[in-house]
Amino acid sequence: QVQLVESGGGLVQPGGSLRLSCSASGSMITFNAMGWYRQAPGKQRDLVAGITSGGTTYYSDSVKGRFTISRDYLKNTVYLQMTSLKPEATAVYYCYSAYRLIGSVDYWGKGPLVTVSS
């Protein structure tokens, strides 16, 4: 059984920064794609950023230039560095792993809450 364990959520002021981490365990399989979705209250879950084993990245338009995704392949860990955070970034951030960068998801993490508020 695969587990995705996230850390790094919390409260941050507008304009601040936060880093999320997600580590995969329980399997020797290295996932092609890992990344993050987010779901704000009352809204659908949207893809924020993803990265493949080859280093190809995807960012949603709303976070381009402010969020950076990176991956430690030996540790099966993916990171999301978030800067210049806006209140509309408040959401539960779900780590995912999948075969493709965009599309169906194989595994989900439980999701840390990120709150951007003064």
N, C-alpha and C. Protein backbone atom coordinates (compact mmCIF):
# COMPACT_ATOMS: atom_id res chain seq x y z
N GLN A 1 0.84 -1.18 0.00
CA GLN A 1 0.00 0.00 0.00
C GLN A 1 0.88 1.24 0.00
N VAL A 2 0.54 2.19 -0.85
CA VAL A 2 1.30 3.43 -0.96
C VAL A 2 0.69 4.48 -0.05
N GLN A 3 1.54 5.22 0.59
CA GLN A 3 1.09 6.35 1.41
C GLN A 3 1.80 7.61 0.98
N LEU A 4 1.06 8.70 0.92
CA LEU A 4 1.61 10.02 0.66
C LEU A 4 1.41 10.84 1.92
N VAL A 5 2.51 11.27 2.51
CA VAL A 5 2.45 12.00 3.77
C VAL A 5 2.94 13.41 3.54
N GLU A 6 2.05 14.37 3.79
CA GLU A 6 2.37 15.77 3.55
C GLU A 6 2.72 16.48 4.86
N SER A 7 3.44 17.58 4.71
CA SER A 7 3.72 18.45 5.84
C SER A 7 3.93 19.86 5.32
N GLY A 8 3.83 20.83 6.24
CA GLY A 8 4.17 22.19 5.88
C GLY A 8 3.00 23.15 5.78
N GLY A 9 1.79 22.71 5.99
CA GLY A 9 0.67 23.64 5.93
C GLY A 9 0.63 24.56 7.14
N GLY A 10 -0.28 25.51 7.12
CA GLY A 10 -0.42 26.40 8.25
C GLY A 10 -0.96 27.75 7.84
N LEU A 11 -0.80 28.70 8.75
CA LEU A 11 -1.29 30.05 8.55
C LEU A 11 -0.14 30.95 8.12
N VAL A 12 -0.37 31.74 7.10
CA VAL A 12 0.64 32.67 6.62
C VAL A 12 -0.05 33.96 6.21
N GLN A 13 0.65 35.07 6.36
CA GLN A 13 0.08 36.35 5.98
C GLN A 13 0.16 36.56 4.47
N PRO A 14 -0.73 37.36 3.92
CA PRO A 14 -0.64 37.68 2.49
C PRO A 14 0.74 38.23 2.14
N GLY A 15 1.27 37.74 1.03
CA GLY A 15 2.61 38.12 0.62
C GLY A 15 3.70 37.22 1.17
N GLY A 16 3.33 36.35 2.09
CA GLY A 16 4.31 35.47 2.72
C GLY A 16 4.60 34.22 1.91
N SER A 17 5.44 33.37 2.49
CA SER A 17 5.86 32.15 1.81
C SER A 17 5.62 30.94 2.68
N LEU A 18 5.51 29.79 2.02
CA LEU A 18 5.31 28.53 2.73
C LEU A 18 5.81 27.42 1.83
N ARG A 19 6.35 26.37 2.44
CA ARG A 19 6.79 25.22 1.66
C ARG A 19 6.07 23.97 2.12
N LEU A 20 5.50 23.27 1.16
CA LEU A 20 4.85 21.99 1.42
C LEU A 20 5.77 20.85 0.98
N SER A 21 5.71 19.76 1.73
CA SER A 21 6.47 18.56 1.38
C SER A 21 5.54 17.37 1.32
N CYS A 22 5.87 16.42 0.47
CA CYS A 22 5.06 15.20 0.36
C CYS A 22 6.00 14.04 0.09
N SER A 23 5.99 13.06 0.97
CA SER A 23 6.85 11.90 0.82
C SER A 23 6.00 10.66 0.56
N ALA A 24 6.43 9.88 -0.42
CA ALA A 24 5.74 8.64 -0.76
C ALA A 24 6.46 7.48 -0.08
N SER A 25 5.70 6.59 0.50
CA SER A 25 6.29 5.43 1.16
C SER A 25 5.40 4.21 0.95
N GLY A 26 5.97 3.05 1.24
CA GLY A 26 5.19 1.82 1.19
C GLY A 26 5.34 1.06 -0.11
N SER A 27 6.12 1.60 -1.04
CA SER A 27 6.28 0.90 -2.30
C SER A 27 7.63 1.24 -2.89
N MET A 28 8.19 0.32 -3.64
CA MET A 28 9.45 0.60 -4.30
C MET A 28 9.23 1.26 -5.65
N ILE A 29 7.97 1.45 -6.02
CA ILE A 29 7.69 2.05 -7.32
C ILE A 29 7.96 3.54 -7.26
N THR A 30 8.66 4.04 -8.22
CA THR A 30 8.84 5.48 -8.36
C THR A 30 7.79 6.00 -9.31
N PHE A 31 6.98 6.89 -8.85
CA PHE A 31 5.89 7.41 -9.65
C PHE A 31 6.41 8.35 -10.71
N ASN A 32 5.82 8.28 -11.88
CA ASN A 32 6.24 9.18 -12.93
C ASN A 32 5.92 10.62 -12.57
N ALA A 33 4.71 10.85 -12.10
CA ALA A 33 4.29 12.21 -11.79
C ALA A 33 3.89 12.35 -10.33
N MET A 34 4.31 13.44 -9.75
CA MET A 34 3.87 13.80 -8.41
C MET A 34 3.59 15.29 -8.41
N GLY A 35 2.74 15.71 -7.51
CA GLY A 35 2.45 17.14 -7.47
C GLY A 35 1.36 17.46 -6.48
N TRP A 36 0.67 18.57 -6.77
CA TRP A 36 -0.29 19.11 -5.82
C TRP A 36 -1.56 19.60 -6.51
N TYR A 37 -2.68 19.25 -5.92
CA TYR A 37 -3.97 19.85 -6.20
C TYR A 37 -4.34 20.70 -4.99
N ARG A 38 -5.30 21.57 -5.17
CA ARG A 38 -5.86 22.28 -4.02
C ARG A 38 -7.36 22.42 -4.18
N GLN A 39 -8.02 22.48 -3.02
CA GLN A 39 -9.47 22.62 -3.00
C GLN A 39 -9.85 23.65 -1.97
N ALA A 40 -10.39 24.76 -2.45
CA ALA A 40 -10.88 25.82 -1.57
C ALA A 40 -12.29 25.47 -1.14
N PRO A 41 -12.75 26.03 -0.03
CA PRO A 41 -14.11 25.74 0.45
C PRO A 41 -15.15 26.02 -0.61
N GLY A 42 -15.99 25.03 -0.86
CA GLY A 42 -17.08 25.20 -1.81
C GLY A 42 -16.68 25.13 -3.27
N LYS A 43 -15.42 24.80 -3.54
CA LYS A 43 -14.95 24.77 -4.93
C LYS A 43 -14.42 23.38 -5.28
N GLN A 44 -14.18 23.17 -6.56
CA GLN A 44 -13.66 21.88 -7.00
C GLN A 44 -12.17 21.80 -6.74
N ARG A 45 -11.67 20.59 -6.79
CA ARG A 45 -10.24 20.36 -6.61
C ARG A 45 -9.53 20.62 -7.94
N ASP A 46 -8.55 21.51 -7.91
CA ASP A 46 -7.84 21.90 -9.12
C ASP A 46 -6.35 21.58 -9.03
N LEU A 47 -5.78 21.24 -10.17
CA LEU A 47 -4.34 20.98 -10.23
C LEU A 47 -3.57 22.28 -10.09
N VAL A 48 -2.60 22.28 -9.21
CA VAL A 48 -1.77 23.47 -8.97
C VAL A 48 -0.43 23.33 -9.68
N ALA A 49 0.24 22.23 -9.42
CA ALA A 49 1.57 22.02 -10.02
C ALA A 49 1.91 20.54 -9.98
N GLY A 50 2.70 20.11 -10.95
CA GLY A 50 3.14 18.73 -11.01
C GLY A 50 4.50 18.62 -11.64
N ILE A 51 5.17 17.50 -11.39
CA ILE A 51 6.50 17.28 -11.96
C ILE A 51 6.67 15.80 -12.25
N THR A 52 7.27 15.51 -13.40
CA THR A 52 7.47 14.12 -13.79
C THR A 52 8.86 13.64 -13.37
N SER A 53 9.08 12.36 -13.53
CA SER A 53 10.39 11.80 -13.20
C SER A 53 11.47 12.34 -14.13
N GLY A 54 11.06 12.83 -15.30
CA GLY A 54 12.01 13.42 -16.22
C GLY A 54 12.23 14.89 -16.00
N GLY A 55 11.52 15.46 -15.05
CA GLY A 55 11.71 16.87 -14.72
C GLY A 55 10.75 17.82 -15.41
N THR A 56 9.83 17.31 -16.21
CA THR A 56 8.83 18.17 -16.83
C THR A 56 7.88 18.69 -15.76
N THR A 57 7.61 19.99 -15.82
CA THR A 57 6.74 20.58 -14.82
C THR A 57 5.49 21.18 -15.45
N TYR A 58 4.49 21.29 -14.62
CA TYR A 58 3.24 21.97 -14.98
C TYR A 58 2.87 22.90 -13.85
N TYR A 59 2.40 24.09 -14.19
CA TYR A 59 1.87 25.05 -13.22
C TYR A 59 0.54 25.59 -13.75
N SER A 60 -0.41 25.76 -12.86
CA SER A 60 -1.62 26.44 -13.27
C SER A 60 -1.30 27.92 -13.48
N ASP A 61 -2.08 28.57 -14.30
CA ASP A 61 -1.82 29.98 -14.60
C ASP A 61 -1.84 30.84 -13.35
N SER A 62 -2.65 30.46 -12.38
CA SER A 62 -2.81 31.28 -11.19
C SER A 62 -1.57 31.29 -10.29
N VAL A 63 -0.67 30.34 -10.48
CA VAL A 63 0.50 30.26 -9.59
C VAL A 63 1.83 30.42 -10.33
N LYS A 64 1.79 30.50 -11.63
CA LYS A 64 3.03 30.64 -12.40
C LYS A 64 3.82 31.85 -11.95
N GLY A 65 5.11 31.65 -11.76
CA GLY A 65 5.98 32.72 -11.34
C GLY A 65 6.05 32.90 -9.83
N ARG A 66 5.14 32.28 -9.11
CA ARG A 66 5.14 32.43 -7.64
C ARG A 66 5.35 31.11 -6.92
N PHE A 67 4.96 30.02 -7.51
CA PHE A 67 5.14 28.69 -6.91
C PHE A 67 6.21 27.93 -7.68
N THR A 68 6.99 27.14 -6.95
CA THR A 68 8.01 26.31 -7.58
C THR A 68 7.90 24.89 -7.06
N ILE A 69 7.81 23.95 -7.98
CA ILE A 69 7.75 22.55 -7.58
C ILE A 69 9.10 21.89 -7.83
N SER A 70 9.50 21.03 -6.92
CA SER A 70 10.76 20.33 -7.08
C SER A 70 10.61 18.91 -6.51
N ARG A 71 11.59 18.10 -6.82
CA ARG A 71 11.44 16.69 -6.45
C ARG A 71 12.79 16.08 -6.10
N ASP A 72 12.81 15.31 -5.02
CA ASP A 72 13.97 14.52 -4.64
C ASP A 72 13.66 13.08 -5.00
N TYR A 73 14.25 12.60 -6.08
CA TYR A 73 13.88 11.30 -6.62
C TYR A 73 14.34 10.16 -5.72
N LEU A 74 15.46 10.33 -5.05
CA LEU A 74 15.94 9.28 -4.16
C LEU A 74 15.04 9.12 -2.94
N LYS A 75 14.46 10.23 -2.50
CA LYS A 75 13.60 10.20 -1.32
C LYS A 75 12.13 10.05 -1.68
N ASN A 76 11.80 10.02 -2.97
CA ASN A 76 10.40 9.98 -3.41
C ASN A 76 9.60 11.09 -2.75
N THR A 77 10.18 12.27 -2.73
CA THR A 77 9.57 13.42 -2.07
C THR A 77 9.42 14.57 -3.06
N VAL A 78 8.27 15.24 -2.99
CA VAL A 78 8.04 16.40 -3.83
C VAL A 78 7.78 17.61 -2.93
N TYR A 79 8.24 18.76 -3.37
CA TYR A 79 8.11 19.99 -2.59
C TYR A 79 7.37 21.04 -3.42
N LEU A 80 6.64 21.89 -2.71
CA LEU A 80 6.00 23.02 -3.37
C LEU A 80 6.37 24.27 -2.57
N GLN A 81 7.21 25.09 -3.16
CA GLN A 81 7.58 26.36 -2.55
C GLN A 81 6.60 27.41 -3.05
N MET A 82 5.89 28.02 -2.10
CA MET A 82 4.87 29.00 -2.45
C MET A 82 5.30 30.38 -1.94
N THR A 83 5.35 31.34 -2.82
CA THR A 83 5.73 32.70 -2.44
C THR A 83 4.65 33.68 -2.88
N SER A 84 4.75 34.89 -2.35
CA SER A 84 3.77 35.94 -2.68
C SER A 84 2.34 35.42 -2.57
N LEU A 85 2.08 34.76 -1.46
CA LEU A 85 0.78 34.12 -1.29
C LEU A 85 -0.34 35.13 -1.18
N LYS A 86 -1.46 34.78 -1.79
CA LYS A 86 -2.64 35.63 -1.77
C LYS A 86 -3.74 34.94 -0.98
N PRO A 87 -4.69 35.69 -0.45
CA PRO A 87 -5.78 35.07 0.31
C PRO A 87 -6.53 34.01 -0.48
N GLU A 88 -6.63 34.17 -1.79
CA GLU A 88 -7.34 33.18 -2.59
C GLU A 88 -6.59 31.85 -2.70
N ALA A 89 -5.39 31.79 -2.19
CA ALA A 89 -4.65 30.53 -2.14
C ALA A 89 -5.07 29.67 -0.96
N THR A 90 -5.91 30.20 -0.10
CA THR A 90 -6.40 29.43 1.03
C THR A 90 -7.16 28.21 0.55
N ALA A 91 -6.69 27.03 0.97
CA ALA A 91 -7.27 25.77 0.48
C ALA A 91 -6.61 24.60 1.19
N VAL A 92 -7.20 23.45 1.00
CA VAL A 92 -6.53 22.21 1.37
C VAL A 92 -5.69 21.78 0.17
N TYR A 93 -4.43 21.51 0.40
CA TYR A 93 -3.50 21.15 -0.67
C TYR A 93 -3.24 19.65 -0.62
N TYR A 94 -3.63 18.96 -1.67
CA TYR A 94 -3.52 17.50 -1.72
C TYR A 94 -2.35 17.09 -2.60
N CYS A 95 -1.46 16.32 -2.03
CA CYS A 95 -0.39 15.72 -2.81
C CYS A 95 -0.97 14.57 -3.63
N TYR A 96 -0.43 14.39 -4.84
CA TYR A 96 -0.90 13.27 -5.67
C TYR A 96 0.28 12.58 -6.33
N SER A 97 0.04 11.35 -6.72
CA SER A 97 1.00 10.64 -7.56
C SER A 97 0.21 9.93 -8.66
N ALA A 98 0.81 9.87 -9.83
CA ALA A 98 0.09 9.34 -10.98
C ALA A 98 1.08 8.94 -12.06
N TYR A 99 0.52 8.27 -13.08
CA TYR A 99 1.37 7.91 -14.22
C TYR A 99 1.62 9.13 -15.09
N ARG A 100 0.55 9.89 -15.33
CA ARG A 100 0.68 11.07 -16.17
C ARG A 100 0.63 12.34 -15.33
N LEU A 101 1.24 13.39 -15.87
CA LEU A 101 1.29 14.67 -15.17
C LEU A 101 -0.11 15.24 -14.96
N ILE A 102 -0.94 15.10 -15.98
CA ILE A 102 -2.31 15.60 -15.92
C ILE A 102 -3.24 14.46 -16.30
N GLY A 103 -4.24 14.24 -15.49
CA GLY A 103 -5.17 13.16 -15.76
C GLY A 103 -5.54 12.44 -14.50
N SER A 104 -5.82 11.15 -14.63
CA SER A 104 -6.28 10.39 -13.47
C SER A 104 -5.16 10.25 -12.43
N VAL A 105 -5.56 10.27 -11.20
CA VAL A 105 -4.63 10.21 -10.07
C VAL A 105 -4.68 8.82 -9.45
N ASP A 106 -3.52 8.28 -9.14
CA ASP A 106 -3.45 6.96 -8.53
C ASP A 106 -3.56 7.01 -7.02
N TYR A 107 -2.89 7.97 -6.42
CA TYR A 107 -2.88 8.07 -4.97
C TYR A 107 -2.99 9.53 -4.55
N TRP A 108 -3.66 9.71 -3.41
CA TRP A 108 -3.83 11.05 -2.83
C TRP A 108 -3.27 11.08 -1.41
N GLY A 109 -2.75 12.22 -1.04
CA GLY A 109 -2.45 12.46 0.36
C GLY A 109 -3.69 13.00 1.05
N LYS A 110 -3.57 13.22 2.35
CA LYS A 110 -4.73 13.68 3.12
C LYS A 110 -4.93 15.18 3.03
N GLY A 111 -3.86 15.90 2.72
CA GLY A 111 -4.02 17.32 2.46
C GLY A 111 -3.86 18.24 3.65
N PRO A 112 -2.76 19.01 3.73
CA PRO A 112 -2.65 20.03 4.77
C PRO A 112 -3.43 21.28 4.37
N LEU A 113 -3.93 21.97 5.37
CA LEU A 113 -4.66 23.21 5.13
C LEU A 113 -3.66 24.36 5.09
N VAL A 114 -3.79 25.18 4.08
CA VAL A 114 -3.01 26.41 3.97
C VAL A 114 -3.99 27.57 4.07
N THR A 115 -3.75 28.45 5.03
CA THR A 115 -4.61 29.61 5.22
C THR A 115 -3.78 30.86 5.04
N VAL A 116 -4.21 31.70 4.11
CA VAL A 116 -3.51 32.96 3.85
C VAL A 116 -4.41 34.08 4.36
N SER A 117 -4.02 34.65 5.45
CA SER A 117 -4.87 35.66 6.09
C SER A 117 -4.04 36.54 6.99
N SER A 118 -4.48 37.80 7.12
CA SER A 118 -3.82 38.71 8.05
C SER A 118 -4.53 38.71 9.39
